[in-house]
Amino acid sequence: MLNFTGDTAEQIILFCKKEGYKRSYNKVYIAKKLYEAGDFIDAECLWLTLVPKEKVSRATVYLVLQWLVINDFAVKKLSGKRMYVYRMK
Protein backbone atom coordinates (compact mmCIF):
# COMPACT_ATOMS: atom_id res chain seq x y z
CA MET A 1 0.00 0.00 0.00
CA LEU A 2 1.21 3.51 -0.77
CA ASN A 3 2.23 5.86 1.97
CA PHE A 4 0.09 8.91 1.40
CA THR A 5 2.64 11.66 1.50
CA GLY A 6 3.16 14.78 -0.49
CA ASP A 7 4.77 12.46 -3.05
CA THR A 8 1.55 10.51 -3.56
CA ALA A 9 -0.45 13.70 -3.91
CA GLU A 10 2.17 14.96 -6.34
CA GLN A 11 1.94 11.68 -8.31
CA ILE A 12 -1.79 12.18 -8.73
CA ILE A 13 -1.32 15.80 -9.80
CA LEU A 14 1.47 14.91 -12.25
CA PHE A 15 -0.59 12.03 -13.65
CA CYS A 16 -3.51 14.40 -14.25
CA LYS A 17 -1.26 16.88 -16.01
CA LYS A 18 0.41 14.20 -18.14
CA GLU A 19 -2.85 12.50 -19.17
CA GLY A 20 -4.85 15.69 -19.64
CA TYR A 21 -7.23 15.18 -16.73
CA LYS A 22 -8.59 18.12 -14.81
CA ARG A 23 -6.50 18.59 -11.69
CA SER A 24 -8.85 18.99 -8.77
CA TYR A 25 -8.55 19.36 -5.05
CA ASN A 26 -11.25 16.69 -4.66
CA LYS A 27 -9.15 13.96 -6.31
CA VAL A 28 -6.27 14.45 -3.90
CA TYR A 29 -8.50 15.05 -0.87
CA ILE A 30 -10.63 11.94 -1.43
CA ALA A 31 -7.53 9.84 -2.16
CA LYS A 32 -6.01 11.06 1.10
CA LYS A 33 -9.15 10.18 3.07
CA LEU A 34 -9.28 6.77 1.40
CA TYR A 35 -5.68 6.15 2.45
CA GLU A 36 -6.41 7.31 6.01
CA ALA A 37 -9.27 4.81 6.24
CA GLY A 38 -6.57 2.13 6.24
CA ASP A 39 -8.55 -0.90 5.15
CA PHE A 40 -11.30 -1.29 2.59
CA ILE A 41 -14.18 1.19 2.97
CA ASP A 42 -17.39 1.64 1.00
CA ALA A 43 -18.16 4.89 -0.81
CA GLU A 44 -21.02 5.85 1.50
CA CYS A 45 -18.89 5.58 4.66
CA LEU A 46 -16.10 7.49 2.97
CA TRP A 47 -18.54 10.23 1.97
CA LEU A 48 -19.82 10.45 5.56
CA THR A 49 -16.27 11.10 6.79
CA LEU A 50 -15.91 13.94 4.27
CA VAL A 51 -19.21 15.75 4.81
CA PRO A 52 -18.55 17.47 8.17
CA LYS A 53 -15.38 19.17 6.89
CA GLU A 54 -15.87 19.61 3.15
CA LYS A 55 -18.89 20.07 0.95
CA VAL A 56 -18.47 17.05 -1.32
CA SER A 57 -21.36 15.34 -3.04
CA ARG A 58 -21.88 11.59 -3.11
CA ALA A 59 -21.59 11.70 -6.88
CA THR A 60 -18.16 13.34 -6.63
CA VAL A 61 -16.98 10.61 -4.24
CA TYR A 62 -18.17 7.86 -6.59
CA LEU A 63 -16.64 9.54 -9.65
CA VAL A 64 -13.27 10.10 -7.95
CA LEU A 65 -13.24 6.51 -6.65
CA GLN A 66 -13.91 5.23 -10.17
CA TRP A 67 -11.16 7.48 -11.50
CA LEU A 68 -8.68 6.23 -8.86
CA VAL A 69 -9.47 2.58 -9.70
CA ILE A 70 -9.31 3.07 -13.48
CA ASN A 71 -5.97 4.85 -13.19
CA ASP A 72 -4.50 2.23 -10.85
CA PHE A 73 -4.27 4.33 -7.69
CA ALA A 74 -6.90 2.30 -5.80
CA VAL A 75 -8.39 -1.20 -5.61
CA LYS A 76 -12.09 -2.03 -5.80
CA LYS A 77 -13.60 -5.31 -4.62
CA LEU A 78 -17.06 -6.74 -4.11
CA SER A 79 -18.08 -7.05 -0.48
CA GLY A 80 -21.35 -8.79 0.18
CA LYS A 81 -24.01 -9.04 -2.48
CA ARG A 82 -24.12 -5.56 -3.97
CA MET A 83 -21.55 -3.38 -2.23
CA TYR A 84 -18.13 -2.42 -3.49
CA VAL A 85 -15.34 -1.36 -1.16
CA TYR A 86 -12.20 0.58 -2.01
CA ARG A 87 -8.63 0.91 -0.76
CA MET A 88 -5.57 2.81 -1.98
CA LYS A 89 -2.88 0.61 -3.54
PDB file of N, CA and C in Angstrom:
ATOM      1  N   MET A   1       0.848  -1.182   0.000  1.00  0.00           N
ATOM      2  CA  MET A   1       0.000   0.000   0.000  1.00  0.00           C
ATOM      3  C   MET A   1       0.888   1.239   0.000  1.00  0.00           C
ATOM      4  N   LEU A   2       0.457   2.257  -0.710  1.00  0.00           N
ATOM      5  CA  LEU A   2       1.212   3.508  -0.774  1.00  0.00           C
ATOM      6  C   LEU A   2       1.179   4.234   0.560  1.00  0.00           C
ATOM      7  N   ASN A   3       2.256   4.907   0.873  1.00  0.00           N
ATOM      8  CA  ASN A   3       2.232   5.865   1.975  1.00  0.00           C
ATOM      9  C   ASN A   3       1.719   7.156   1.387  1.00  0.00           C
ATOM     10  N   PHE A   4       0.639   7.678   1.958  1.00  0.00           N
ATOM     11  CA  PHE A   4       0.088   8.912   1.397  1.00  0.00           C
ATOM     12  C   PHE A   4       0.876  10.077   1.942  1.00  0.00           C
ATOM     13  N   THR A   5       1.785  10.533   1.139  1.00  0.00           N
ATOM     14  CA  THR A   5       2.635  11.661   1.498  1.00  0.00           C
ATOM     15  C   THR A   5       2.425  12.734   0.443  1.00  0.00           C
ATOM     16  N   GLY A   6       3.184  13.761   0.546  1.00  0.00           N
ATOM     17  CA  GLY A   6       3.164  14.776  -0.491  1.00  0.00           C
ATOM     18  C   GLY A   6       3.536  14.180  -1.839  1.00  0.00           C
ATOM     19  N   ASP A   7       4.367  13.124  -1.805  1.00  0.00           N
ATOM     20  CA  ASP A   7       4.770  12.464  -3.049  1.00  0.00           C
ATOM     21  C   ASP A   7       3.581  11.809  -3.746  1.00  0.00           C
ATOM     22  N   THR A   8       2.722  11.157  -2.973  1.00  0.00           N
ATOM     23  CA  THR A   8       1.555  10.510  -3.562  1.00  0.00           C
ATOM     24  C   THR A   8       0.616  11.550  -4.141  1.00  0.00           C
ATOM     25  N   ALA A   9       0.391  12.613  -3.404  1.00  0.00           N
ATOM     26  CA  ALA A   9      -0.446  13.704  -3.912  1.00  0.00           C
ATOM     27  C   ALA A   9       0.168  14.274  -5.180  1.00  0.00           C
ATOM     28  N   GLU A  10       1.470  14.442  -5.167  1.00  0.00           N
ATOM     29  CA  GLU A  10       2.174  14.958  -6.342  1.00  0.00           C
ATOM     30  C   GLU A  10       2.058  13.991  -7.515  1.00  0.00           C
ATOM     31  N   GLN A  11       2.099  12.675  -7.248  1.00  0.00           N
ATOM     32  CA  GLN A  11       1.936  11.678  -8.307  1.00  0.00           C
ATOM     33  C   GLN A  11       0.577  11.822  -8.981  1.00  0.00           C
ATOM     34  N   ILE A  12      -0.453  12.021  -8.181  1.00  0.00           N
ATOM     35  CA  ILE A  12      -1.794  12.182  -8.733  1.00  0.00           C
ATOM     36  C   ILE A  12      -1.860  13.452  -9.578  1.00  0.00           C
ATOM     37  N   ILE A  13      -1.303  14.528  -9.064  1.00  0.00           N
ATOM     38  CA  ILE A  13      -1.316  15.803  -9.796  1.00  0.00           C
ATOM     39  C   ILE A  13      -0.528  15.696 -11.103  1.00  0.00           C
ATOM     40  N   LEU A  14       0.658  15.080 -11.042  1.00  0.00           N
ATOM     41  CA  LEU A  14       1.466  14.908 -12.255  1.00  0.00           C
ATOM     42  C   LEU A  14       0.780  13.996 -13.262  1.00  0.00           C
ATOM     43  N   PHE A  15       0.131  12.940 -12.769  1.00  0.00           N
ATOM     44  CA  PHE A  15      -0.592  12.030 -13.647  1.00  0.00           C
ATOM     45  C   PHE A  15      -1.707  12.780 -14.374  1.00  0.00           C
ATOM     46  N   CYS A  16      -2.439  13.607 -13.636  1.00  0.00           N
ATOM     47  CA  CYS A  16      -3.515  14.404 -14.245  1.00  0.00           C
ATOM     48  C   CYS A  16      -2.968  15.304 -15.343  1.00  0.00           C
ATOM     49  N   LYS A  17      -1.870  15.956 -15.046  1.00  0.00           N
ATOM     50  CA  LYS A  17      -1.259  16.877 -16.013  1.00  0.00           C
ATOM     51  C   LYS A  17      -0.800  16.113 -17.259  1.00  0.00           C
ATOM     52  N   LYS A  18      -0.132  14.995 -17.038  1.00  0.00           N
ATOM     53  CA  LYS A  18       0.407  14.200 -18.141  1.00  0.00           C
ATOM     54  C   LYS A  18      -0.697  13.638 -19.035  1.00  0.00           C
ATOM     55  N   GLU A  19      -1.779  13.154 -18.417  1.00  0.00           N
ATOM     56  CA  GLU A  19      -2.850  12.499 -19.170  1.00  0.00           C
ATOM     57  C   GLU A  19      -3.961  13.449 -19.605  1.00  0.00           C
ATOM     58  N   GLY A  20      -3.856  14.708 -19.208  1.00  0.00           N
ATOM     59  CA  GLY A  20      -4.846  15.685 -19.637  1.00  0.00           C
ATOM     60  C   GLY A  20      -6.117  15.712 -18.814  1.00  0.00           C
ATOM     61  N   TYR A  21      -6.066  15.133 -17.612  1.00  0.00           N
ATOM     62  CA  TYR A  21      -7.227  15.179 -16.727  1.00  0.00           C
ATOM     63  C   TYR A  21      -7.253  16.507 -15.981  1.00  0.00           C
ATOM     64  N   LYS A  22      -8.450  16.912 -15.617  1.00  0.00           N
ATOM     65  CA  LYS A  22      -8.589  18.119 -14.808  1.00  0.00           C
ATOM     66  C   LYS A  22      -7.977  17.842 -13.435  1.00  0.00           C
ATOM     67  N   ARG A  23      -7.094  18.724 -13.015  1.00  0.00           N
ATOM     68  CA  ARG A  23      -6.498  18.593 -11.688  1.00  0.00           C
ATOM     69  C   ARG A  23      -7.439  19.231 -10.682  1.00  0.00           C
ATOM     70  N   SER A  24      -7.904  18.439  -9.729  1.00  0.00           N
ATOM     71  CA  SER A  24      -8.849  18.994  -8.769  1.00  0.00           C
ATOM     72  C   SER A  24      -8.419  18.668  -7.345  1.00  0.00           C
ATOM     73  N   TYR A  25      -8.787  19.550  -6.480  1.00  0.00           N
ATOM     74  CA  TYR A  25      -8.552  19.365  -5.051  1.00  0.00           C
ATOM     75  C   TYR A  25      -9.260  18.096  -4.573  1.00  0.00           C
ATOM     76  N   ASN A  26     -10.463  17.842  -5.108  1.00  0.00           N
ATOM     77  CA  ASN A  26     -11.246  16.688  -4.658  1.00  0.00           C
ATOM     78  C   ASN A  26     -10.537  15.360  -4.902  1.00  0.00           C
ATOM     79  N   LYS A  27      -9.848  15.220  -6.023  1.00  0.00           N
ATOM     80  CA  LYS A  27      -9.152  13.955  -6.306  1.00  0.00           C
ATOM     81  C   LYS A  27      -8.120  13.664  -5.218  1.00  0.00           C
ATOM     82  N   VAL A  28      -7.316  14.643  -4.901  1.00  0.00           N
ATOM     83  CA  VAL A  28      -6.265  14.454  -3.903  1.00  0.00           C
ATOM     84  C   VAL A  28      -6.874  14.297  -2.509  1.00  0.00           C
ATOM     85  N   TYR A  29      -7.870  15.098  -2.199  1.00  0.00           N
ATOM     86  CA  TYR A  29      -8.497  15.050  -0.873  1.00  0.00           C
ATOM     87  C   TYR A  29      -9.181  13.703  -0.620  1.00  0.00           C
ATOM     88  N   ILE A  30      -9.938  13.217  -1.587  1.00  0.00           N
ATOM     89  CA  ILE A  30     -10.632  11.941  -1.428  1.00  0.00           C
ATOM     90  C   ILE A  30      -9.619  10.796  -1.391  1.00  0.00           C
ATOM     91  N   ALA A  31      -8.577  10.857  -2.205  1.00  0.00           N
ATOM     92  CA  ALA A  31      -7.526   9.837  -2.163  1.00  0.00           C
ATOM     93  C   ALA A  31      -6.864   9.811  -0.783  1.00  0.00           C
ATOM     94  N   LYS A  32      -6.615  10.980  -0.221  1.00  0.00           N
ATOM     95  CA  LYS A  32      -6.008  11.057   1.104  1.00  0.00           C
ATOM     96  C   LYS A  32      -6.918  10.432   2.161  1.00  0.00           C
ATOM     97  N   LYS A  33      -8.195  10.741   2.108  1.00  0.00           N
ATOM     98  CA  LYS A  33      -9.146  10.180   3.074  1.00  0.00           C
ATOM     99  C   LYS A  33      -9.288   8.671   2.896  1.00  0.00           C
ATOM    100  N   LEU A  34      -9.228   8.207   1.661  1.00  0.00           N
ATOM    101  CA  LEU A  34      -9.283   6.770   1.400  1.00  0.00           C
ATOM    102  C   LEU A  34      -8.057   6.088   1.998  1.00  0.00           C
ATOM    103  N   TYR A  35      -6.897   6.697   1.849  1.00  0.00           N
ATOM    104  CA  TYR A  35      -5.678   6.150   2.448  1.00  0.00           C
ATOM    105  C   TYR A  35      -5.784   6.129   3.975  1.00  0.00           C
ATOM    106  N   GLU A  36      -6.292   7.217   4.552  1.00  0.00           N
ATOM    107  CA  GLU A  36      -6.408   7.312   6.010  1.00  0.00           C
ATOM    108  C   GLU A  36      -7.382   6.281   6.582  1.00  0.00           C
ATOM    109  N   ALA A  37      -8.326   5.823   5.771  1.00  0.00           N
ATOM    110  CA  ALA A  37      -9.270   4.806   6.236  1.00  0.00           C
ATOM    111  C   ALA A  37      -8.536   3.503   6.558  1.00  0.00           C
ATOM    112  N   GLY A  38      -7.387   3.300   5.934  1.00  0.00           N
ATOM    113  CA  GLY A  38      -6.571   2.131   6.238  1.00  0.00           C
ATOM    114  C   GLY A  38      -6.984   0.911   5.452  1.00  0.00           C
ATOM    115  N   ASP A  39      -8.085   0.315   5.818  1.00  0.00           N
ATOM    116  CA  ASP A  39      -8.547  -0.896   5.150  1.00  0.00           C
ATOM    117  C   ASP A  39      -9.623  -0.528   4.127  1.00  0.00           C
ATOM    118  N   PHE A  40     -10.249  -1.534   3.563  1.00  0.00           N
ATOM    119  CA  PHE A  40     -11.301  -1.295   2.586  1.00  0.00           C
ATOM    120  C   PHE A  40     -12.461  -0.541   3.235  1.00  0.00           C
ATOM    121  N   ILE A  41     -13.049   0.387   2.495  1.00  0.00           N
ATOM    122  CA  ILE A  41     -14.177   1.187   2.965  1.00  0.00           C
ATOM    123  C   ILE A  41     -15.135   1.388   1.791  1.00  0.00           C
ATOM    124  N   ASP A  42     -16.435   1.405   2.079  1.00  0.00           N
ATOM    125  CA  ASP A  42     -17.387   1.643   0.997  1.00  0.00           C
ATOM    126  C   ASP A  42     -17.537   3.141   0.757  1.00  0.00           C
ATOM    127  N   ALA A  43     -18.065   3.486  -0.394  1.00  0.00           N
ATOM    128  CA  ALA A  43     -18.156   4.890  -0.812  1.00  0.00           C
ATOM    129  C   ALA A  43     -19.031   5.708   0.131  1.00  0.00           C
ATOM    130  N   GLU A  44     -20.107   5.125   0.606  1.00  0.00           N
ATOM    131  CA  GLU A  44     -21.016   5.848   1.499  1.00  0.00           C
ATOM    132  C   GLU A  44     -20.329   6.227   2.809  1.00  0.00           C
ATOM    133  N   CYS A  45     -19.620   5.289   3.406  1.00  0.00           N
ATOM    134  CA  CYS A  45     -18.895   5.576   4.657  1.00  0.00           C
ATOM    135  C   CYS A  45     -17.800   6.620   4.419  1.00  0.00           C
ATOM    136  N   LEU A  46     -17.128   6.501   3.300  1.00  0.00           N
ATOM    137  CA  LEU A  46     -16.100   7.487   2.968  1.00  0.00           C
ATOM    138  C   LEU A  46     -16.719   8.873   2.840  1.00  0.00           C
ATOM    139  N   TRP A  47     -17.848   8.950   2.142  1.00  0.00           N
ATOM    140  CA  TRP A  47     -18.536  10.228   1.971  1.00  0.00           C
ATOM    141  C   TRP A  47     -18.925  10.816   3.323  1.00  0.00           C
ATOM    142  N   LEU A  48     -19.410   9.967   4.235  1.00  0.00           N
ATOM    143  CA  LEU A  48     -19.817  10.451   5.558  1.00  0.00           C
ATOM    144  C   LEU A  48     -18.636  11.022   6.346  1.00  0.00           C
ATOM    145  N   THR A  49     -17.432  10.533   6.107  1.00  0.00           N
ATOM    146  CA  THR A  49     -16.268  11.098   6.792  1.00  0.00           C
ATOM    147  C   THR A  49     -15.872  12.450   6.195  1.00  0.00           C
ATOM    148  N   LEU A  50     -16.263  12.696   4.949  1.00  0.00           N
ATOM    149  CA  LEU A  50     -15.907  13.940   4.275  1.00  0.00           C
ATOM    150  C   LEU A  50     -16.878  15.078   4.562  1.00  0.00           C
ATOM    151  N   VAL A  51     -18.150  14.750   4.729  1.00  0.00           N
ATOM    152  CA  VAL A  51     -19.210  15.750   4.811  1.00  0.00           C
ATOM    153  C   VAL A  51     -19.020  16.792   5.914  1.00  0.00           C
ATOM    154  N   PRO A  52     -18.654  16.426   7.139  1.00  0.00           N
ATOM    155  CA  PRO A  52     -18.553  17.468   8.172  1.00  0.00           C
ATOM    156  C   PRO A  52     -17.521  18.558   7.857  1.00  0.00           C
ATOM    157  N   LYS A  53     -16.465  18.212   7.125  1.00  0.00           N
ATOM    158  CA  LYS A  53     -15.385  19.169   6.887  1.00  0.00           C
ATOM    159  C   LYS A  53     -15.453  19.829   5.520  1.00  0.00           C
ATOM    160  N   GLU A  54     -15.853  19.104   4.526  1.00  0.00           N
ATOM    161  CA  GLU A  54     -15.869  19.609   3.152  1.00  0.00           C
ATOM    162  C   GLU A  54     -17.236  19.367   2.533  1.00  0.00           C
ATOM    163  N   LYS A  55     -17.623  20.254   1.664  1.00  0.00           N
ATOM    164  CA  LYS A  55     -18.886  20.075   0.949  1.00  0.00           C
ATOM    165  C   LYS A  55     -18.590  19.280  -0.314  1.00  0.00           C
ATOM    166  N   VAL A  56     -18.743  17.959  -0.210  1.00  0.00           N
ATOM    167  CA  VAL A  56     -18.465  17.055  -1.319  1.00  0.00           C
ATOM    168  C   VAL A  56     -19.717  16.205  -1.533  1.00  0.00           C
ATOM    169  N   SER A  57     -20.164  16.124  -2.760  1.00  0.00           N
ATOM    170  CA  SER A  57     -21.364  15.339  -3.044  1.00  0.00           C
ATOM    171  C   SER A  57     -21.039  13.853  -3.126  1.00  0.00           C
ATOM    172  N   ARG A  58     -22.058  13.035  -2.946  1.00  0.00           N
ATOM    173  CA  ARG A  58     -21.880  11.587  -3.109  1.00  0.00           C
ATOM    174  C   ARG A  58     -21.389  11.275  -4.519  1.00  0.00           C
ATOM    175  N   ALA A  59     -21.966  11.945  -5.488  1.00  0.00           N
ATOM    176  CA  ALA A  59     -21.589  11.702  -6.884  1.00  0.00           C
ATOM    177  C   ALA A  59     -20.102  11.969  -7.107  1.00  0.00           C
ATOM    178  N   THR A  60     -19.586  13.027  -6.502  1.00  0.00           N
ATOM    179  CA  THR A  60     -18.162  13.340  -6.629  1.00  0.00           C
ATOM    180  C   THR A  60     -17.315  12.223  -6.035  1.00  0.00           C
ATOM    181  N   VAL A  61     -17.717  11.713  -4.877  1.00  0.00           N
ATOM    182  CA  VAL A  61     -16.979  10.614  -4.243  1.00  0.00           C
ATOM    183  C   VAL A  61     -16.962   9.400  -5.161  1.00  0.00           C
ATOM    184  N   TYR A  62     -18.117   9.021  -5.697  1.00  0.00           N
ATOM    185  CA  TYR A  62     -18.171   7.863  -6.591  1.00  0.00           C
ATOM    186  C   TYR A  62     -17.332   8.079  -7.852  1.00  0.00           C
ATOM    187  N   LEU A  63     -17.414   9.261  -8.438  1.00  0.00           N
ATOM    188  CA  LEU A  63     -16.636   9.539  -9.651  1.00  0.00           C
ATOM    189  C   LEU A  63     -15.132   9.518  -9.386  1.00  0.00           C
ATOM    190  N   VAL A  64     -14.706  10.100  -8.279  1.00  0.00           N
ATOM    191  CA  VAL A  64     -13.275  10.096  -7.951  1.00  0.00           C
ATOM    192  C   VAL A  64     -12.804   8.676  -7.637  1.00  0.00           C
ATOM    193  N   LEU A  65     -13.620   7.894  -6.928  1.00  0.00           N
ATOM    194  CA  LEU A  65     -13.240   6.506  -6.647  1.00  0.00           C
ATOM    195  C   LEU A  65     -13.089   5.717  -7.942  1.00  0.00           C
ATOM    196  N   GLN A  66     -14.030   5.889  -8.874  1.00  0.00           N
ATOM    197  CA  GLN A  66     -13.909   5.226 -10.174  1.00  0.00           C
ATOM    198  C   GLN A  66     -12.632   5.662 -10.884  1.00  0.00           C
ATOM    199  N   TRP A  67     -12.355   6.954 -10.859  1.00  0.00           N
ATOM    200  CA  TRP A  67     -11.159   7.484 -11.500  1.00  0.00           C
ATOM    201  C   TRP A  67      -9.907   6.883 -10.880  1.00  0.00           C
ATOM    202  N   LEU A  68      -9.847   6.801  -9.546  1.00  0.00           N
ATOM    203  CA  LEU A  68      -8.684   6.234  -8.858  1.00  0.00           C
ATOM    204  C   LEU A  68      -8.484   4.768  -9.228  1.00  0.00           C
ATOM    205  N   VAL A  69      -9.572   4.003  -9.341  1.00  0.00           N
ATOM    206  CA  VAL A  69      -9.472   2.583  -9.701  1.00  0.00           C
ATOM    207  C   VAL A  69      -9.019   2.434 -11.148  1.00  0.00           C
ATOM    208  N   ILE A  70      -9.648   3.166 -12.054  1.00  0.00           N
ATOM    209  CA  ILE A  70      -9.309   3.073 -13.481  1.00  0.00           C
ATOM    210  C   ILE A  70      -7.840   3.422 -13.726  1.00  0.00           C
ATOM    211  N   ASN A  71      -7.338   4.387 -12.981  1.00  0.00           N
ATOM    212  CA  ASN A  71      -5.968   4.849 -13.189  1.00  0.00           C
ATOM    213  C   ASN A  71      -4.968   4.205 -12.234  1.00  0.00           C
ATOM    214  N   ASP A  72      -5.381   3.103 -11.625  1.00  0.00           N
ATOM    215  CA  ASP A  72      -4.496   2.233 -10.850  1.00  0.00           C
ATOM    216  C   ASP A  72      -3.930   2.878  -9.581  1.00  0.00           C
ATOM    217  N   PHE A  73      -4.664   3.780  -8.977  1.00  0.00           N
ATOM    218  CA  PHE A  73      -4.272   4.334  -7.687  1.00  0.00           C
ATOM    219  C   PHE A  73      -4.974   3.621  -6.536  1.00  0.00           C
ATOM    220  N   ALA A  74      -6.110   2.951  -6.831  1.00  0.00           N
ATOM    221  CA  ALA A  74      -6.905   2.297  -5.799  1.00  0.00           C
ATOM    222  C   ALA A  74      -7.384   0.936  -6.294  1.00  0.00           C
ATOM    223  N   VAL A  75      -7.861   0.136  -5.337  1.00  0.00           N
ATOM    224  CA  VAL A  75      -8.389  -1.197  -5.611  1.00  0.00           C
ATOM    225  C   VAL A  75      -9.861  -1.207  -5.240  1.00  0.00           C
ATOM    226  N   LYS A  76     -10.664  -1.896  -6.052  1.00  0.00           N
ATOM    227  CA  LYS A  76     -12.095  -2.031  -5.798  1.00  0.00           C
ATOM    228  C   LYS A  76     -12.411  -3.510  -5.714  1.00  0.00           C
ATOM    229  N   LYS A  77     -13.195  -3.899  -4.688  1.00  0.00           N
ATOM    230  CA  LYS A  77     -13.598  -5.309  -4.615  1.00  0.00           C
ATOM    231  C   LYS A  77     -15.038  -5.402  -4.139  1.00  0.00           C
ATOM    232  N   LEU A  78     -15.675  -6.504  -4.493  1.00  0.00           N
ATOM    233  CA  LEU A  78     -17.055  -6.743  -4.108  1.00  0.00           C
ATOM    234  C   LEU A  78     -17.084  -7.259  -2.680  1.00  0.00           C
ATOM    235  N   SER A  79     -17.926  -6.643  -1.870  1.00  0.00           N
ATOM    236  CA  SER A  79     -18.080  -7.052  -0.477  1.00  0.00           C
ATOM    237  C   SER A  79     -19.561  -7.277  -0.237  1.00  0.00           C
ATOM    238  N   GLY A  80     -19.934  -8.502   0.031  1.00  0.00           N
ATOM    239  CA  GLY A  80     -21.354  -8.792   0.179  1.00  0.00           C
ATOM    240  C   GLY A  80     -21.993  -8.965  -1.188  1.00  0.00           C
ATOM    241  N   LYS A  81     -23.293  -8.793  -1.232  1.00  0.00           N
ATOM    242  CA  LYS A  81     -24.012  -9.045  -2.477  1.00  0.00           C
ATOM    243  C   LYS A  81     -23.921  -7.907  -3.480  1.00  0.00           C
ATOM    244  N   ARG A  82     -24.071  -6.663  -3.010  1.00  0.00           N
ATOM    245  CA  ARG A  82     -24.124  -5.557  -3.968  1.00  0.00           C
ATOM    246  C   ARG A  82     -23.338  -4.337  -3.509  1.00  0.00           C
ATOM    247  N   MET A  83     -22.322  -4.526  -2.715  1.00  0.00           N
ATOM    248  CA  MET A  83     -21.551  -3.383  -2.231  1.00  0.00           C
ATOM    249  C   MET A  83     -20.085  -3.527  -2.617  1.00  0.00           C
ATOM    250  N   TYR A  84     -19.555  -2.452  -3.174  1.00  0.00           N
ATOM    251  CA  TYR A  84     -18.134  -2.423  -3.486  1.00  0.00           C
ATOM    252  C   TYR A  84     -17.405  -1.632  -2.406  1.00  0.00           C
ATOM    253  N   VAL A  85     -16.194  -2.063  -2.122  1.00  0.00           N
ATOM    254  CA  VAL A  85     -15.342  -1.365  -1.161  1.00  0.00           C
ATOM    255  C   VAL A  85     -14.040  -1.011  -1.859  1.00  0.00           C
ATOM    256  N   TYR A  86     -13.373   0.016  -1.349  1.00  0.00           N
ATOM    257  CA  TYR A  86     -12.198   0.584  -2.014  1.00  0.00           C
ATOM    258  C   TYR A  86     -11.052   0.745  -1.026  1.00  0.00           C
ATOM    259  N   ARG A  87      -9.842   0.702  -1.565  1.00  0.00           N
ATOM    260  CA  ARG A  87      -8.628   0.914  -0.760  1.00  0.00           C
ATOM    261  C   ARG A  87      -7.556   1.441  -1.695  1.00  0.00           C
ATOM    262  N   MET A  88      -6.710   2.335  -1.185  1.00  0.00           N
ATOM    263  CA  MET A  88      -5.573   2.814  -1.976  1.00  0.00           C
ATOM    264  C   MET A  88      -4.588   1.672  -2.150  1.00  0.00           C
ATOM    265  N   LYS A  89      -3.901   1.645  -3.291  1.00  0.00           N
ATOM    266  CA  LYS A  89      -2.879   0.613  -3.538  1.00  0.00           C
ATOM    267  C   LYS A  89      -1.646   0.910  -2.726  1.00  0.00           C
TER     268      LYS A  89
END
